[in-house]
Amino acid sequence: MSRVLRSPRWLLGHVLVIAVCVLFVNLGFWQIRRLEERRLENIVMASRLAADPQPIEELIVGAGSDLDSLEFRGATATGEFAPNEEVLVRSQVHEGNAGWHVITPLVLADGRTVLVNRGWVPLEMDAVPVPANPPAGEVTISGWLGLTRIRQSGGATEPEGRLTQIARVDIGRLQQQMPFELLPVYIFADEAEVLLPIPVARPITTDEGPHLLYAIEWFSFTLISVIGYFFLLRRAVHRSVVTEGSGLGQPVDHSDIGKRSQ
C-alpha cells in the first residue's frame, strides 16, 4: 500500500491537492477579512449618516485634506440653483425602472458652488434642464455627501467638450465646463421638491455583501477536495491490495514451469 502512495504519480497528486487546499483556505480567510472590513465600513457609514447635518463649508474646512472622511456625512447647503448648468448621470435605476440622476449646481453666497444630486427621473427626461425645475431663489438643501468619482480602468471614457450626460460625478471633469468654482464634494438631497426628481435612497448600513457566503464556499471547496482525494486514495489502495492478493503482477518462475513439463 505504501509503495502505491509513494509512486511518482501519487506524490505529484499529494502536492497538487495540498497546494489547492492551501489556496482555497487562504481565499476563504481573505473573504473573512473583507467581511470584517465591510462591517467596519458599515459602522463608520452609519455613524456619519446619523450625525447632525452641518453646513458644507464648515465640514470642508474641518476635513482639511482628508476629504474621504466627508463621505456620507450629513450636510446642508444654502444658495441658488443654476439649472442651465445641469447634467444627467446615465444608467440609474429606481424600483426597476431605468432613468437618470439629475445633478444641478447650487451657487453658494461666496460664489463657490456645490453639485447637488436632486434625485432620479425617468429615461424620457433626457434633456437638460429637465422639466422638473428646481425651486427658484435662495434655498437650503439638506442631505449627505458623496465623493468625486474618477474613471477606473475599463470604465467609460467621457468625450471632449461640454457634457450634458455623464457616466459618473467626476467633479474635476465637470469643473472644465462650469463657470464657477466647484466644491470638492457633492451632496445628495434628502427632500423631494415635488413628484420628481425622486431623492436617492440613503445607503443601507447593514448590508454586509456576499463575503460570508464566498468564505463558506471556499472552505467547502477545501473540504470537498480533501474528501474526494481521500476516496481516490482509498480506491487506489484497494486495487493494489486486490492485485497483490490475486498474484497478478508477480513475476513468473519459468524454471518451475520447465520442471513441470518434464
C-alpha atoms as a PDB file:
ATOM      1  CA  MET A   1       0.000   0.000   0.000  1.00  0.00           C
ATOM      2  CA  SER A   2       2.752   2.430   0.975  1.00  0.00           C
ATOM      3  CA  ARG A   3       4.550   1.672  -2.295  1.00  0.00           C
ATOM      4  CA  VAL A   4       1.477   2.787  -4.228  1.00  0.00           C
ATOM      5  CA  LEU A   5       1.131   6.037  -2.310  1.00  0.00           C
ATOM      6  CA  ARG A   6       4.825   6.803  -2.804  1.00  0.00           C
ATOM      7  CA  SER A   7       4.737   6.342  -6.564  1.00  0.00           C
ATOM      8  CA  PRO A   8       5.699   9.457  -8.614  1.00  0.00           C
ATOM      9  CA  ARG A   9       2.156   9.900  -9.905  1.00  0.00           C
ATOM     10  CA  TRP A  10       0.599   9.913  -6.433  1.00  0.00           C
ATOM     11  CA  LEU A  11       3.359  12.068  -4.947  1.00  0.00           C
ATOM     12  CA  LEU A  12       2.547  14.685  -7.579  1.00  0.00           C
ATOM     13  CA  GLY A  13      -1.127  14.306  -6.695  1.00  0.00           C
ATOM     14  CA  HIS A  14      -0.379  14.862  -2.996  1.00  0.00           C
ATOM     15  CA  VAL A  15       1.472  18.079  -3.785  1.00  0.00           C
ATOM     16  CA  LEU A  16      -1.272  19.384  -6.066  1.00  0.00           C
ATOM     17  CA  VAL A  17      -4.062  18.666  -3.585  1.00  0.00           C
ATOM     18  CA  ILE A  18      -2.157  20.296  -0.723  1.00  0.00           C
ATOM     19  CA  ALA A  19      -1.457  23.361  -2.881  1.00  0.00           C
ATOM     20  CA  VAL A  20      -5.127  23.616  -3.914  1.00  0.00           C
ATOM     21  CA  CYS A  21      -6.318  23.269  -0.313  1.00  0.00           C
ATOM     22  CA  VAL A  22      -3.894  25.931   0.898  1.00  0.00           C
ATOM     23  CA  LEU A  23      -5.133  28.254  -1.876  1.00  0.00           C
ATOM     24  CA  PHE A  24      -8.815  27.639  -1.043  1.00  0.00           C
ATOM     25  CA  VAL A  25      -8.254  28.151   2.700  1.00  0.00           C
ATOM     26  CA  ASN A  26      -6.393  31.420   2.081  1.00  0.00           C
ATOM     27  CA  LEU A  27      -9.166  32.645  -0.204  1.00  0.00           C
ATOM     28  CA  GLY A  28     -11.701  31.776   2.496  1.00  0.00           C
ATOM     29  CA  PHE A  29      -9.817  33.729   5.166  1.00  0.00           C
ATOM     30  CA  TRP A  30      -9.399  36.623   2.700  1.00  0.00           C
ATOM     31  CA  GLN A  31     -13.187  36.793   2.371  1.00  0.00           C
ATOM     32  CA  ILE A  32     -13.484  36.728   6.176  1.00  0.00           C
ATOM     33  CA  ARG A  33     -11.123  39.719   6.342  1.00  0.00           C
ATOM     34  CA  ARG A  34     -13.180  41.505   3.679  1.00  0.00           C
ATOM     35  CA  LEU A  35     -16.311  40.821   5.746  1.00  0.00           C
ATOM     36  CA  GLU A  36     -14.697  42.429   8.796  1.00  0.00           C
ATOM     37  CA  GLU A  37     -13.678  45.427   6.687  1.00  0.00           C
ATOM     38  CA  ARG A  38     -17.232  45.723   5.336  1.00  0.00           C
ATOM     39  CA  ARG A  39     -18.674  45.612   8.850  1.00  0.00           C
ATOM     40  CA  LEU A  40     -16.298  48.363   9.955  1.00  0.00           C
ATOM     41  CA  GLU A  41     -17.243  50.442   6.900  1.00  0.00           C
ATOM     42  CA  ASN A  42     -20.918  49.991   7.773  1.00  0.00           C
ATOM     43  CA  ILE A  43     -20.314  51.194  11.333  1.00  0.00           C
ATOM     44  CA  VAL A  44     -18.496  54.276  10.052  1.00  0.00           C
ATOM     45  CA  MET A  45     -21.196  54.932   7.444  1.00  0.00           C
ATOM     46  CA  ALA A  46     -23.999  54.601   9.985  1.00  0.00           C
ATOM     47  CA  SER A  47     -22.323  56.993  12.428  1.00  0.00           C
ATOM     48  CA  ARG A  48     -21.748  59.596   9.714  1.00  0.00           C
ATOM     49  CA  LEU A  49     -25.310  59.373   8.407  1.00  0.00           C
ATOM     50  CA  ALA A  50     -26.682  59.663  11.952  1.00  0.00           C
ATOM     51  CA  ALA A  51     -24.622  62.752  12.788  1.00  0.00           C
ATOM     52  CA  ASP A  52     -26.397  66.105  12.827  1.00  0.00           C
ATOM     53  CA  PRO A  53     -26.028  67.817   9.441  1.00  0.00           C
ATOM     54  CA  GLN A  54     -23.641  70.759   9.352  1.00  0.00           C
ATOM     55  CA  PRO A  55     -23.060  73.496   6.758  1.00  0.00           C
ATOM     56  CA  ILE A  56     -20.992  72.070   3.946  1.00  0.00           C
ATOM     57  CA  GLU A  57     -18.472  74.915   4.108  1.00  0.00           C
ATOM     58  CA  GLU A  58     -17.674  74.087   7.746  1.00  0.00           C
ATOM     59  CA  LEU A  59     -17.330  70.382   7.011  1.00  0.00           C
ATOM     60  CA  ILE A  60     -14.836  71.012   4.212  1.00  0.00           C
ATOM     61  CA  VAL A  61     -12.733  73.334   6.354  1.00  0.00           C
ATOM     62  CA  GLY A  62     -12.757  70.809   9.205  1.00  0.00           C
ATOM     63  CA  ALA A  63     -11.749  67.915   6.971  1.00  0.00           C
ATOM     64  CA  GLY A  64      -8.734  69.702   5.517  1.00  0.00           C
ATOM     65  CA  SER A  65      -7.039  67.401   3.030  1.00  0.00           C
ATOM     66  CA  ASP A  66      -8.879  64.303   4.310  1.00  0.00           C
ATOM     67  CA  LEU A  67     -11.902  64.587   2.050  1.00  0.00           C
ATOM     68  CA  ASP A  68     -12.601  60.844   2.344  1.00  0.00           C
ATOM     69  CA  SER A  69     -13.772  61.491   5.902  1.00  0.00           C
ATOM     70  CA  LEU A  70     -16.678  63.527   4.497  1.00  0.00           C
ATOM     71  CA  GLU A  71     -18.334  60.680   2.603  1.00  0.00           C
ATOM     72  CA  PHE A  72     -21.865  60.009   3.944  1.00  0.00           C
ATOM     73  CA  ARG A  73     -21.675  62.974   6.340  1.00  0.00           C
ATOM     74  CA  GLY A  74     -24.911  64.864   6.836  1.00  0.00           C
ATOM     75  CA  ALA A  75     -24.648  68.355   5.357  1.00  0.00           C
ATOM     76  CA  THR A  76     -26.637  71.448   4.498  1.00  0.00           C
ATOM     77  CA  ALA A  77     -26.042  73.973   1.744  1.00  0.00           C
ATOM     78  CA  THR A  78     -27.724  77.315   1.126  1.00  0.00           C
ATOM     79  CA  GLY A  79     -27.691  79.052  -2.239  1.00  0.00           C
ATOM     80  CA  GLU A  80     -29.430  79.379  -5.600  1.00  0.00           C
ATOM     81  CA  PHE A  81     -29.704  76.639  -8.202  1.00  0.00           C
ATOM     82  CA  ALA A  82     -28.188  77.115 -11.675  1.00  0.00           C
ATOM     83  CA  PRO A  83     -30.305  74.735 -13.810  1.00  0.00           C
ATOM     84  CA  ASN A  84     -28.680  75.918 -17.063  1.00  0.00           C
ATOM     85  CA  GLU A  85     -25.521  74.039 -15.975  1.00  0.00           C
ATOM     86  CA  GLU A  86     -27.401  70.843 -15.158  1.00  0.00           C
ATOM     87  CA  VAL A  87     -26.094  67.387 -16.196  1.00  0.00           C
ATOM     88  CA  LEU A  88     -27.575  63.878 -16.114  1.00  0.00           C
ATOM     89  CA  VAL A  89     -25.920  60.724 -14.798  1.00  0.00           C
ATOM     90  CA  ARG A  90     -26.583  57.713 -17.019  1.00  0.00           C
ATOM     91  CA  SER A  91     -27.679  54.158 -16.099  1.00  0.00           C
ATOM     92  CA  GLN A  92     -29.592  54.875 -12.889  1.00  0.00           C
ATOM     93  CA  VAL A  93     -32.414  52.620 -11.727  1.00  0.00           C
ATOM     94  CA  HIS A  94     -35.328  53.271  -9.379  1.00  0.00           C
ATOM     95  CA  GLU A  95     -37.624  50.371  -8.429  1.00  0.00           C
ATOM     96  CA  GLY A  96     -36.614  48.517 -11.573  1.00  0.00           C
ATOM     97  CA  ASN A  97     -37.112  51.480 -13.920  1.00  0.00           C
ATOM     98  CA  ALA A  98     -34.239  52.947 -15.939  1.00  0.00           C
ATOM     99  CA  GLY A  99     -33.553  56.646 -15.763  1.00  0.00           C
ATOM    100  CA  TRP A 100     -31.121  59.387 -14.792  1.00  0.00           C
ATOM    101  CA  HIS A 101     -29.812  61.188 -11.760  1.00  0.00           C
ATOM    102  CA  VAL A 102     -30.141  64.965 -12.060  1.00  0.00           C
ATOM    103  CA  ILE A 103     -27.057  66.931 -10.996  1.00  0.00           C
ATOM    104  CA  THR A 104     -27.737  70.657 -10.552  1.00  0.00           C
ATOM    105  CA  PRO A 105     -25.165  73.210  -9.329  1.00  0.00           C
ATOM    106  CA  LEU A 106     -26.111  75.200  -6.229  1.00  0.00           C
ATOM    107  CA  VAL A 107     -24.288  78.559  -6.094  1.00  0.00           C
ATOM    108  CA  LEU A 108     -23.417  79.495  -2.506  1.00  0.00           C
ATOM    109  CA  ALA A 109     -23.228  83.000  -1.056  1.00  0.00           C
ATOM    110  CA  ASP A 110     -19.441  83.255  -1.578  1.00  0.00           C
ATOM    111  CA  GLY A 111     -19.732  82.281  -5.258  1.00  0.00           C
ATOM    112  CA  ARG A 112     -18.436  78.775  -4.808  1.00  0.00           C
ATOM    113  CA  THR A 113     -20.755  76.021  -5.975  1.00  0.00           C
ATOM    114  CA  VAL A 114     -21.718  72.547  -4.802  1.00  0.00           C
ATOM    115  CA  LEU A 115     -23.165  69.957  -7.151  1.00  0.00           C
ATOM    116  CA  VAL A 116     -26.481  68.609  -5.889  1.00  0.00           C
ATOM    117  CA  ASN A 117     -27.834  65.201  -6.829  1.00  0.00           C
ATOM    118  CA  ARG A 118     -31.509  66.088  -6.816  1.00  0.00           C
ATOM    119  CA  GLY A 119     -32.572  62.502  -7.485  1.00  0.00           C
ATOM    120  CA  TRP A 120     -33.931  60.146 -10.148  1.00  0.00           C
ATOM    121  CA  VAL A 121     -36.031  60.982 -13.204  1.00  0.00           C
ATOM    122  CA  PRO A 122     -37.356  58.565 -15.875  1.00  0.00           C
ATOM    123  CA  LEU A 123     -35.475  57.782 -19.061  1.00  0.00           C
ATOM    124  CA  GLU A 124     -37.597  60.028 -21.294  1.00  0.00           C
ATOM    125  CA  MET A 125     -36.324  63.121 -19.432  1.00  0.00           C
ATOM    126  CA  ASP A 126     -33.051  63.020 -21.327  1.00  0.00           C
ATOM    127  CA  ALA A 127     -32.555  66.753 -21.983  1.00  0.00           C
ATOM    128  CA  VAL A 128     -31.316  69.453 -19.612  1.00  0.00           C
ATOM    129  CA  PRO A 129     -32.551  71.340 -17.848  1.00  0.00           C
ATOM    130  CA  VAL A 130     -35.138  68.679 -17.027  1.00  0.00           C
ATOM    131  CA  PRO A 131     -38.793  69.761 -16.876  1.00  0.00           C
ATOM    132  CA  ALA A 132     -38.762  69.185 -13.104  1.00  0.00           C
ATOM    133  CA  ASN A 133     -37.159  72.559 -12.416  1.00  0.00           C
ATOM    134  CA  PRO A 134     -35.524  73.226  -9.045  1.00  0.00           C
ATOM    135  CA  PRO A 135     -37.051  75.917  -6.815  1.00  0.00           C
ATOM    136  CA  ALA A 136     -36.085  79.482  -7.706  1.00  0.00           C
ATOM    137  CA  GLY A 137     -34.410  81.879  -5.320  1.00  0.00           C
ATOM    138  CA  GLU A 138     -32.404  81.027  -2.245  1.00  0.00           C
ATOM    139  CA  VAL A 139     -32.961  77.535  -0.871  1.00  0.00           C
ATOM    140  CA  THR A 140     -31.381  75.349   1.802  1.00  0.00           C
ATOM    141  CA  ILE A 141     -30.634  71.773   0.845  1.00  0.00           C
ATOM    142  CA  SER A 142     -30.134  69.041   3.439  1.00  0.00           C
ATOM    143  CA  GLY A 143     -28.622  65.676   2.575  1.00  0.00           C
ATOM    144  CA  TRP A 144     -25.481  63.559   2.697  1.00  0.00           C
ATOM    145  CA  LEU A 145     -22.155  63.973   0.955  1.00  0.00           C
ATOM    146  CA  GLY A 146     -20.597  61.975  -1.852  1.00  0.00           C
ATOM    147  CA  LEU A 147     -17.038  61.943  -3.181  1.00  0.00           C
ATOM    148  CA  THR A 148     -15.929  62.650  -6.723  1.00  0.00           C
ATOM    149  CA  ARG A 149     -15.804  59.560  -8.934  1.00  0.00           C
ATOM    150  CA  ILE A 150     -12.925  59.262 -11.357  1.00  0.00           C
ATOM    151  CA  ARG A 151     -12.688  56.831 -14.246  1.00  0.00           C
ATOM    152  CA  GLN A 152     -11.425  53.398 -13.260  1.00  0.00           C
ATOM    153  CA  SER A 153      -9.565  51.029 -15.553  1.00  0.00           C
ATOM    154  CA  GLY A 154     -12.011  49.814 -18.186  1.00  0.00           C
ATOM    155  CA  GLY A 155     -14.628  52.430 -17.290  1.00  0.00           C
ATOM    156  CA  ALA A 156     -16.464  54.581 -19.790  1.00  0.00           C
ATOM    157  CA  THR A 157     -14.458  57.488 -21.182  1.00  0.00           C
ATOM    158  CA  GLU A 158     -16.192  60.863 -21.361  1.00  0.00           C
ATOM    159  CA  PRO A 159     -15.905  62.697 -24.700  1.00  0.00           C
ATOM    160  CA  GLU A 160     -14.275  66.076 -25.052  1.00  0.00           C
ATOM    161  CA  GLY A 161     -16.291  69.287 -24.924  1.00  0.00           C
ATOM    162  CA  ARG A 162     -19.356  70.230 -22.936  1.00  0.00           C
ATOM    163  CA  LEU A 163     -21.222  67.332 -21.384  1.00  0.00           C
ATOM    164  CA  THR A 164     -24.915  67.071 -20.614  1.00  0.00           C
ATOM    165  CA  GLN A 165     -24.837  63.331 -19.853  1.00  0.00           C
ATOM    166  CA  ILE A 166     -22.126  61.688 -17.777  1.00  0.00           C
ATOM    167  CA  ALA A 167     -21.214  58.216 -16.535  1.00  0.00           C
ATOM    168  CA  ARG A 168     -20.178  59.366 -13.061  1.00  0.00           C
ATOM    169  CA  VAL A 169     -19.953  62.515 -10.953  1.00  0.00           C
ATOM    170  CA  ASP A 170     -16.348  63.396 -11.756  1.00  0.00           C
ATOM    171  CA  ILE A 171     -16.068  66.853 -10.210  1.00  0.00           C
ATOM    172  CA  GLY A 172     -12.714  67.565 -11.853  1.00  0.00           C
ATOM    173  CA  ARG A 173     -14.138  66.794 -15.292  1.00  0.00           C
ATOM    174  CA  LEU A 174     -17.267  68.879 -14.722  1.00  0.00           C
ATOM    175  CA  GLN A 175     -15.174  71.798 -13.437  1.00  0.00           C
ATOM    176  CA  GLN A 176     -13.873  72.170 -17.006  1.00  0.00           C
ATOM    177  CA  GLN A 177     -17.304  73.310 -18.208  1.00  0.00           C
ATOM    178  CA  MET A 178     -18.618  75.152 -15.162  1.00  0.00           C
ATOM    179  CA  PRO A 179     -18.350  78.981 -14.887  1.00  0.00           C
ATOM    180  CA  PHE A 180     -17.845  78.821 -11.109  1.00  0.00           C
ATOM    181  CA  GLU A 181     -15.553  77.085  -8.632  1.00  0.00           C
ATOM    182  CA  LEU A 182     -16.884  73.685  -7.576  1.00  0.00           C
ATOM    183  CA  LEU A 183     -16.501  72.315  -4.077  1.00  0.00           C
ATOM    184  CA  PRO A 184     -14.551  69.018  -3.971  1.00  0.00           C
ATOM    185  CA  VAL A 185     -17.578  67.007  -2.767  1.00  0.00           C
ATOM    186  CA  TYR A 186     -21.224  66.913  -3.814  1.00  0.00           C
ATOM    187  CA  ILE A 187     -24.464  66.436  -1.920  1.00  0.00           C
ATOM    188  CA  PHE A 188     -27.389  64.036  -2.272  1.00  0.00           C
ATOM    189  CA  ALA A 189     -30.579  65.943  -1.474  1.00  0.00           C
ATOM    190  CA  ASP A 190     -32.807  64.177   1.046  1.00  0.00           C
ATOM    191  CA  GLU A 191     -36.026  66.081   0.490  1.00  0.00           C
ATOM    192  CA  ALA A 192     -38.263  65.739  -2.547  1.00  0.00           C
ATOM    193  CA  GLU A 193     -39.018  69.076  -4.185  1.00  0.00           C
ATOM    194  CA  VAL A 194     -42.151  67.840  -5.986  1.00  0.00           C
ATOM    195  CA  LEU A 195     -43.031  64.445  -7.514  1.00  0.00           C
ATOM    196  CA  LEU A 196     -39.784  64.465  -9.490  1.00  0.00           C
ATOM    197  CA  PRO A 197     -36.887  64.078  -9.086  1.00  0.00           C
ATOM    198  CA  ILE A 198     -37.147  61.214  -6.560  1.00  0.00           C
ATOM    199  CA  PRO A 199     -34.362  61.566  -3.953  1.00  0.00           C
ATOM    200  CA  VAL A 200     -31.694  58.863  -3.914  1.00  0.00           C
ATOM    201  CA  ALA A 201     -32.245  56.461  -1.019  1.00  0.00           C
ATOM    202  CA  ARG A 202     -29.682  56.557   1.750  1.00  0.00           C
ATOM    203  CA  PRO A 203     -27.204  53.658   1.739  1.00  0.00           C
ATOM    204  CA  ILE A 204     -28.129  50.509   3.663  1.00  0.00           C
ATOM    205  CA  THR A 205     -25.737  50.355   6.597  1.00  0.00           C
ATOM    206  CA  THR A 206     -26.475  46.696   7.437  1.00  0.00           C
ATOM    207  CA  ASP A 207     -25.563  45.230   4.058  1.00  0.00           C
ATOM    208  CA  GLU A 208     -22.518  43.005   4.586  1.00  0.00           C
ATOM    209  CA  GLY A 209     -22.235  41.918   0.976  1.00  0.00           C
ATOM    210  CA  PRO A 210     -21.559  38.344  -0.207  1.00  0.00           C
ATOM    211  CA  HIS A 211     -18.260  37.892   1.672  1.00  0.00           C
ATOM    212  CA  LEU A 212     -19.531  35.382   4.267  1.00  0.00           C
ATOM    213  CA  LEU A 213     -21.159  33.283   1.548  1.00  0.00           C
ATOM    214  CA  TYR A 214     -17.954  33.341  -0.504  1.00  0.00           C
ATOM    215  CA  ALA A 215     -15.896  32.312   2.546  1.00  0.00           C
ATOM    216  CA  ILE A 216     -18.201  29.346   3.178  1.00  0.00           C
ATOM    217  CA  GLU A 217     -17.886  28.355  -0.474  1.00  0.00           C
ATOM    218  CA  TRP A 218     -14.066  28.408  -0.391  1.00  0.00           C
ATOM    219  CA  PHE A 219     -13.944  26.362   2.825  1.00  0.00           C
ATOM    220  CA  SER A 220     -16.476  23.945   1.289  1.00  0.00           C
ATOM    221  CA  PHE A 221     -14.270  23.552  -1.779  1.00  0.00           C
ATOM    222  CA  THR A 222     -11.380  22.695   0.557  1.00  0.00           C
ATOM    223  CA  LEU A 223     -13.430  20.020   2.337  1.00  0.00           C
ATOM    224  CA  ILE A 224     -14.686  18.590  -0.952  1.00  0.00           C
ATOM    225  CA  SER A 225     -11.123  18.412  -2.288  1.00  0.00           C
ATOM    226  CA  VAL A 226      -9.871  16.562   0.810  1.00  0.00           C
ATOM    227  CA  ILE A 227     -12.778  14.101   0.882  1.00  0.00           C
ATOM    228  CA  GLY A 228     -12.623  13.498  -2.861  1.00  0.00           C
ATOM    229  CA  TYR A 229      -8.886  12.853  -2.765  1.00  0.00           C
ATOM    230  CA  PHE A 230      -9.276  10.526   0.217  1.00  0.00           C
ATOM    231  CA  PHE A 231     -11.676   8.349  -1.757  1.00  0.00           C
ATOM    232  CA  LEU A 232      -9.320   8.339  -4.749  1.00  0.00           C
ATOM    233  CA  LEU A 233      -6.501   7.149  -2.494  1.00  0.00           C
ATOM    234  CA  ARG A 234      -8.741   4.545  -0.913  1.00  0.00           C
ATOM    235  CA  ARG A 235      -9.732   3.165  -4.300  1.00  0.00           C
ATOM    236  CA  ALA A 236      -6.098   3.062  -5.448  1.00  0.00           C
ATOM    237  CA  VAL A 237      -5.015   1.214  -2.288  1.00  0.00           C
ATOM    238  CA  HIS A 238      -7.916  -1.220  -2.620  1.00  0.00           C
ATOM    239  CA  ARG A 239      -6.967  -2.021  -6.198  1.00  0.00           C
ATOM    240  CA  SER A 240      -3.357  -2.554  -5.132  1.00  0.00           C
ATOM    241  CA  VAL A 241      -4.377  -4.950  -2.368  1.00  0.00           C
ATOM    242  CA  VAL A 242      -6.655  -6.905  -4.709  1.00  0.00           C
ATOM    243  CA  THR A 243      -3.961  -7.117  -7.339  1.00  0.00           C
ATOM    244  CA  GLU A 244      -1.317  -8.316  -4.883  1.00  0.00           C
ATOM    245  CA  GLY A 245      -3.710 -10.822  -3.294  1.00  0.00           C
ATOM    246  CA  SER A 246      -4.594 -12.421  -6.624  1.00  0.00           C
ATOM    247  CA  GLY A 247      -0.965 -12.793  -7.592  1.00  0.00           C
ATOM    248  CA  LEU A 248      -1.400 -10.506 -10.582  1.00  0.00           C
ATOM    249  CA  GLY A 249       1.636  -8.551 -11.420  1.00  0.00           C
ATOM    250  CA  GLN A 250       4.011 -11.127  -9.744  1.00  0.00           C
ATOM    251  CA  PRO A 251       6.970 -12.395 -11.809  1.00  0.00           C
ATOM    252  CA  VAL A 252       6.520 -15.877 -13.330  1.00  0.00           C
ATOM    253  CA  ASP A 253       9.070 -18.572 -12.351  1.00  0.00           C
ATOM    254  CA  HIS A 254       9.858 -20.073 -15.790  1.00  0.00           C
ATOM    255  CA  SER A 255      12.223 -22.659 -14.310  1.00  0.00           C
ATOM    256  CA  ASP A 256       9.364 -24.174 -12.337  1.00  0.00           C
ATOM    257  CA  ILE A 257       7.243 -24.376 -15.479  1.00  0.00           C
ATOM    258  CA  GLY A 258      10.044 -26.236 -17.165  1.00  0.00           C
ATOM    259  CA  LYS A 259      10.290 -28.802 -14.369  1.00  0.00           C
ATOM    260  CA  ARG A 260       6.537 -29.461 -14.504  1.00  0.00           C
ATOM    261  CA  SER A 261       6.687 -30.185 -18.224  1.00  0.00           C
ATOM    262  CA  GLN A 262       9.270 -32.943 -17.755  1.00  0.00           C
END
